[in-house]
N, C-alpha and C. Protein backbone atom coordinates (compact mmCIF):
# COMPACT_ATOMS: atom_id res chain seq x y z
N UNK A 1 -2.74 -22.49 25.62
CA UNK A 1 -3.43 -23.33 24.68
C UNK A 1 -4.89 -23.50 25.09
N UNK A 2 -5.11 -23.65 26.37
CA UNK A 2 -6.47 -23.81 26.88
C UNK A 2 -7.33 -22.60 26.53
N UNK A 3 -6.75 -21.41 26.64
CA UNK A 3 -7.48 -20.19 26.31
C UNK A 3 -7.92 -20.20 24.84
N UNK A 4 -7.03 -20.55 23.95
CA UNK A 4 -7.34 -20.56 22.52
C UNK A 4 -8.38 -21.62 22.20
N UNK A 5 -8.27 -22.77 22.83
CA UNK A 5 -9.20 -23.86 22.55
C UNK A 5 -10.58 -23.62 23.13
N UNK A 6 -10.66 -23.00 24.30
CA UNK A 6 -11.92 -22.92 25.02
C UNK A 6 -12.59 -21.54 25.06
N UNK A 7 -11.82 -20.48 24.84
CA UNK A 7 -12.40 -19.14 25.02
C UNK A 7 -12.46 -18.32 23.74
N UNK A 8 -11.65 -18.67 22.75
CA UNK A 8 -11.66 -17.90 21.51
C UNK A 8 -12.85 -18.32 20.67
N UNK A 9 -13.55 -17.34 20.08
CA UNK A 9 -14.70 -17.62 19.24
C UNK A 9 -14.65 -16.82 17.95
N UNK A 10 -15.62 -17.03 17.11
CA UNK A 10 -15.67 -16.42 15.78
C UNK A 10 -15.89 -14.92 15.80
N UNK A 11 -15.72 -14.33 14.61
CA UNK A 11 -15.94 -12.89 14.39
C UNK A 11 -15.14 -12.02 15.34
N UNK A 12 -13.85 -12.32 15.45
CA UNK A 12 -13.02 -11.59 16.41
C UNK A 12 -11.65 -11.29 15.83
N UNK A 13 -10.98 -10.35 16.47
CA UNK A 13 -9.59 -10.03 16.18
C UNK A 13 -8.78 -10.41 17.41
N UNK A 14 -7.72 -11.19 17.20
CA UNK A 14 -6.87 -11.61 18.30
C UNK A 14 -5.45 -11.15 18.06
N UNK A 15 -4.83 -10.58 19.09
CA UNK A 15 -3.44 -10.15 19.04
C UNK A 15 -2.69 -11.03 20.05
N UNK A 16 -1.75 -11.82 19.53
CA UNK A 16 -1.03 -12.76 20.37
C UNK A 16 0.47 -12.44 20.35
N UNK A 17 1.08 -12.46 21.51
CA UNK A 17 2.52 -12.21 21.64
C UNK A 17 3.21 -13.52 22.01
N UNK A 18 3.91 -14.07 21.07
CA UNK A 18 4.66 -15.31 21.24
C UNK A 18 3.84 -16.43 21.88
N UNK A 19 2.74 -16.81 21.26
CA UNK A 19 1.90 -17.86 21.85
C UNK A 19 2.60 -19.22 21.91
N UNK A 20 3.69 -19.37 21.19
CA UNK A 20 4.43 -20.63 21.18
C UNK A 20 5.33 -20.81 22.39
N UNK A 21 5.45 -19.79 23.23
CA UNK A 21 6.45 -19.77 24.30
C UNK A 21 6.48 -21.04 25.15
N UNK A 22 5.36 -21.58 25.52
CA UNK A 22 5.35 -22.77 26.37
C UNK A 22 4.85 -24.01 25.63
N UNK A 23 4.87 -23.95 24.30
CA UNK A 23 4.29 -25.06 23.53
C UNK A 23 5.36 -25.88 22.82
N UNK A 24 5.21 -27.17 22.85
CA UNK A 24 6.07 -28.07 22.08
C UNK A 24 5.76 -27.87 20.60
N UNK A 25 6.62 -28.36 19.72
CA UNK A 25 6.30 -28.28 18.29
C UNK A 25 4.95 -28.91 17.93
N UNK A 26 4.61 -30.02 18.55
CA UNK A 26 3.32 -30.67 18.28
C UNK A 26 2.17 -29.78 18.72
N UNK A 27 2.29 -29.15 19.87
CA UNK A 27 1.23 -28.25 20.35
C UNK A 27 1.16 -26.98 19.50
N UNK A 28 2.29 -26.55 18.96
CA UNK A 28 2.26 -25.41 18.05
C UNK A 28 1.45 -25.75 16.80
N UNK A 29 1.58 -26.97 16.33
CA UNK A 29 0.78 -27.40 15.17
C UNK A 29 -0.70 -27.49 15.55
N UNK A 30 -0.99 -27.93 16.77
CA UNK A 30 -2.38 -27.93 17.26
C UNK A 30 -2.92 -26.51 17.29
N UNK A 31 -2.09 -25.56 17.75
CA UNK A 31 -2.48 -24.16 17.76
C UNK A 31 -2.80 -23.67 16.34
N UNK A 32 -1.98 -24.08 15.37
CA UNK A 32 -2.24 -23.67 13.98
C UNK A 32 -3.58 -24.21 13.49
N UNK A 33 -3.91 -25.44 13.86
CA UNK A 33 -5.20 -26.01 13.47
C UNK A 33 -6.33 -25.17 14.04
N UNK A 34 -6.22 -24.80 15.31
CA UNK A 34 -7.26 -23.99 15.95
C UNK A 34 -7.35 -22.60 15.33
N UNK A 35 -6.21 -22.01 15.04
CA UNK A 35 -6.22 -20.71 14.36
C UNK A 35 -6.93 -20.83 13.02
N UNK A 36 -6.65 -21.88 12.29
CA UNK A 36 -7.30 -22.08 11.00
C UNK A 36 -8.81 -22.24 11.15
N UNK A 37 -9.25 -22.97 12.16
CA UNK A 37 -10.69 -23.10 12.42
C UNK A 37 -11.31 -21.73 12.69
N UNK A 38 -10.61 -20.92 13.46
CA UNK A 38 -11.13 -19.59 13.80
C UNK A 38 -11.11 -18.64 12.60
N UNK A 39 -10.11 -18.75 11.76
CA UNK A 39 -10.07 -17.94 10.54
C UNK A 39 -11.29 -18.25 9.68
N UNK A 40 -11.68 -19.52 9.63
CA UNK A 40 -12.87 -19.92 8.87
C UNK A 40 -14.15 -19.39 9.51
N UNK A 41 -14.06 -18.95 10.79
CA UNK A 41 -15.19 -18.35 11.49
C UNK A 41 -15.07 -16.82 11.53
N UNK A 42 -14.35 -16.28 10.54
CA UNK A 42 -14.23 -14.84 10.37
C UNK A 42 -13.39 -14.16 11.45
N UNK A 43 -12.35 -14.83 11.91
CA UNK A 43 -11.41 -14.22 12.85
C UNK A 43 -10.16 -13.77 12.11
N UNK A 44 -9.50 -12.78 12.68
CA UNK A 44 -8.21 -12.34 12.18
C UNK A 44 -7.21 -12.40 13.34
N UNK A 45 -5.95 -12.64 12.98
CA UNK A 45 -4.90 -12.75 13.98
C UNK A 45 -3.73 -11.85 13.63
N UNK A 46 -3.20 -11.22 14.65
CA UNK A 46 -1.91 -10.54 14.57
C UNK A 46 -1.05 -11.25 15.60
N UNK A 47 0.03 -11.86 15.14
CA UNK A 47 0.84 -12.69 16.02
C UNK A 47 2.30 -12.28 15.94
N UNK A 48 2.89 -11.96 17.08
CA UNK A 48 4.34 -11.77 17.17
C UNK A 48 4.93 -13.12 17.56
N UNK A 49 5.82 -13.64 16.74
CA UNK A 49 6.34 -14.98 16.99
C UNK A 49 7.77 -15.14 16.50
N UNK A 50 8.47 -16.08 17.11
CA UNK A 50 9.78 -16.52 16.64
C UNK A 50 9.69 -17.95 16.11
N UNK A 51 8.51 -18.49 16.06
CA UNK A 51 8.32 -19.90 15.70
C UNK A 51 8.27 -20.10 14.19
N UNK A 52 9.22 -20.86 13.64
CA UNK A 52 9.14 -21.17 12.22
C UNK A 52 7.91 -22.02 11.88
N UNK A 53 7.37 -22.70 12.87
CA UNK A 53 6.14 -23.47 12.64
C UNK A 53 4.97 -22.52 12.42
N UNK A 54 4.77 -21.58 13.34
CA UNK A 54 3.66 -20.64 13.20
C UNK A 54 3.85 -19.72 11.99
N UNK A 55 5.09 -19.37 11.70
CA UNK A 55 5.35 -18.52 10.54
C UNK A 55 4.93 -19.19 9.23
N UNK A 56 4.84 -20.51 9.23
CA UNK A 56 4.49 -21.25 8.02
C UNK A 56 3.00 -21.25 7.71
N UNK A 57 2.19 -20.58 8.53
CA UNK A 57 0.75 -20.57 8.30
C UNK A 57 0.46 -20.13 6.86
N UNK A 58 -0.32 -20.89 6.12
CA UNK A 58 -0.58 -20.60 4.70
C UNK A 58 -1.16 -19.20 4.48
N UNK A 59 -0.61 -18.52 3.50
CA UNK A 59 -1.08 -17.20 3.06
C UNK A 59 -0.94 -16.11 4.11
N UNK A 60 -0.16 -16.35 5.15
CA UNK A 60 0.06 -15.31 6.16
C UNK A 60 0.96 -14.22 5.59
N UNK A 61 0.70 -12.99 5.95
CA UNK A 61 1.63 -11.89 5.66
C UNK A 61 2.61 -11.85 6.81
N UNK A 62 3.89 -11.97 6.50
CA UNK A 62 4.94 -11.96 7.51
C UNK A 62 5.70 -10.66 7.39
N UNK A 63 5.75 -9.93 8.49
CA UNK A 63 6.49 -8.68 8.53
C UNK A 63 7.67 -8.84 9.48
N UNK A 64 8.84 -8.40 9.04
CA UNK A 64 10.00 -8.38 9.91
C UNK A 64 10.26 -6.93 10.31
N UNK A 65 10.71 -6.77 11.53
CA UNK A 65 11.02 -5.45 12.05
C UNK A 65 12.50 -5.42 12.40
N UNK A 66 13.21 -4.43 11.88
CA UNK A 66 14.62 -4.26 12.23
C UNK A 66 14.97 -2.78 12.22
N UNK A 67 16.26 -2.47 12.27
CA UNK A 67 16.68 -1.07 12.33
C UNK A 67 16.29 -0.27 11.09
N UNK A 68 15.93 -0.96 10.02
CA UNK A 68 15.52 -0.28 8.78
C UNK A 68 14.01 -0.11 8.68
N UNK A 69 13.27 -0.60 9.65
CA UNK A 69 11.83 -0.45 9.63
C UNK A 69 11.10 -1.78 9.52
N UNK A 70 9.92 -1.73 8.93
CA UNK A 70 9.05 -2.90 8.79
C UNK A 70 9.04 -3.32 7.33
N UNK A 71 9.18 -4.63 7.09
CA UNK A 71 9.25 -5.11 5.72
C UNK A 71 8.46 -6.41 5.58
N UNK A 72 7.66 -6.51 4.53
CA UNK A 72 6.98 -7.76 4.19
C UNK A 72 8.05 -8.74 3.75
N UNK A 73 8.04 -9.96 4.31
CA UNK A 73 9.11 -10.93 4.10
C UNK A 73 8.53 -12.29 3.75
N UNK A 74 9.18 -12.97 2.84
CA UNK A 74 8.80 -14.34 2.50
C UNK A 74 9.23 -15.28 3.64
N UNK A 75 8.46 -16.32 3.85
CA UNK A 75 8.73 -17.28 4.92
C UNK A 75 10.17 -17.78 4.90
N UNK A 76 10.63 -18.22 3.72
CA UNK A 76 11.98 -18.79 3.60
C UNK A 76 13.09 -17.77 3.80
N UNK A 77 12.73 -16.49 3.86
CA UNK A 77 13.72 -15.43 4.06
C UNK A 77 13.78 -14.95 5.51
N UNK A 78 12.94 -15.51 6.37
CA UNK A 78 12.97 -15.09 7.77
C UNK A 78 14.17 -15.71 8.47
N UNK A 79 14.72 -14.96 9.39
CA UNK A 79 15.87 -15.46 10.16
C UNK A 79 15.52 -16.74 10.90
N UNK A 80 14.30 -16.82 11.43
CA UNK A 80 13.90 -17.99 12.21
C UNK A 80 13.87 -19.24 11.35
N UNK A 81 13.39 -19.12 10.13
CA UNK A 81 13.38 -20.25 9.20
C UNK A 81 14.80 -20.65 8.84
N UNK A 82 15.63 -19.67 8.46
CA UNK A 82 17.00 -19.94 8.01
C UNK A 82 17.82 -20.62 9.10
N UNK A 83 17.80 -20.07 10.30
CA UNK A 83 18.60 -20.62 11.40
C UNK A 83 18.12 -22.02 11.78
N UNK A 84 16.81 -22.19 11.88
CA UNK A 84 16.26 -23.51 12.23
C UNK A 84 16.62 -24.54 11.16
N UNK A 85 16.49 -24.16 9.91
CA UNK A 85 16.82 -25.08 8.81
C UNK A 85 18.29 -25.46 8.85
N UNK A 86 19.18 -24.47 9.05
CA UNK A 86 20.61 -24.77 9.13
C UNK A 86 20.91 -25.72 10.27
N UNK A 87 20.29 -25.48 11.41
CA UNK A 87 20.52 -26.35 12.56
C UNK A 87 20.03 -27.77 12.28
N UNK A 88 18.81 -27.91 11.79
CA UNK A 88 18.25 -29.24 11.56
C UNK A 88 18.95 -29.99 10.43
N UNK A 89 19.46 -29.27 9.45
CA UNK A 89 20.18 -29.93 8.36
C UNK A 89 21.52 -30.49 8.80
N UNK A 90 22.13 -29.89 9.81
CA UNK A 90 23.42 -30.37 10.27
C UNK A 90 23.68 -29.94 11.71
N UNK A 91 23.00 -30.59 12.67
CA UNK A 91 23.15 -30.17 14.07
C UNK A 91 24.58 -30.29 14.58
N UNK A 92 25.31 -31.32 14.17
CA UNK A 92 26.68 -31.49 14.64
C UNK A 92 27.56 -30.31 14.22
N UNK A 93 27.40 -29.86 12.99
CA UNK A 93 28.17 -28.71 12.51
C UNK A 93 27.82 -27.45 13.30
N UNK A 94 26.53 -27.24 13.55
CA UNK A 94 26.12 -26.06 14.29
C UNK A 94 26.63 -26.10 15.74
N UNK A 95 26.58 -27.27 16.36
CA UNK A 95 27.10 -27.40 17.74
C UNK A 95 28.60 -27.11 17.76
N UNK A 96 29.34 -27.66 16.79
CA UNK A 96 30.78 -27.37 16.74
C UNK A 96 31.01 -25.86 16.59
N UNK A 97 30.23 -25.22 15.71
CA UNK A 97 30.38 -23.78 15.49
C UNK A 97 30.07 -23.00 16.77
N UNK A 98 29.00 -23.38 17.46
CA UNK A 98 28.60 -22.68 18.66
C UNK A 98 29.57 -22.87 19.81
N UNK A 99 30.14 -24.08 19.94
CA UNK A 99 30.98 -24.39 21.09
C UNK A 99 32.47 -24.18 20.84
N UNK A 100 32.86 -23.93 19.60
CA UNK A 100 34.28 -23.77 19.29
C UNK A 100 34.69 -22.33 19.61
N UNK A 101 35.33 -22.15 20.75
CA UNK A 101 35.74 -20.81 21.16
C UNK A 101 37.22 -20.59 20.94
N UNK A 102 37.89 -21.55 20.38
CA UNK A 102 39.34 -21.39 20.16
C UNK A 102 39.62 -20.74 18.82
């Protein structure tokens, strides 16, 4: 986070690999604010992420990669969004499903 806040500047291309790895959800939102500031300064970002928070960046092109290749995907159709939504909508059900080995 310190790198993005203090070293990133305008007119640049940044390639980030899972920048959310050590960030809380609140810090991920802070990262999105900084990315937005940099986009307004003529920056572009290519980000590999599993974060449904970062995936929600407005007007982002989201590509999924699987055994069938690369596909442009809507935010609500990403696995990360679907799984997170299912968990948050009913954590008790998901825990039962995950822990029920009988």
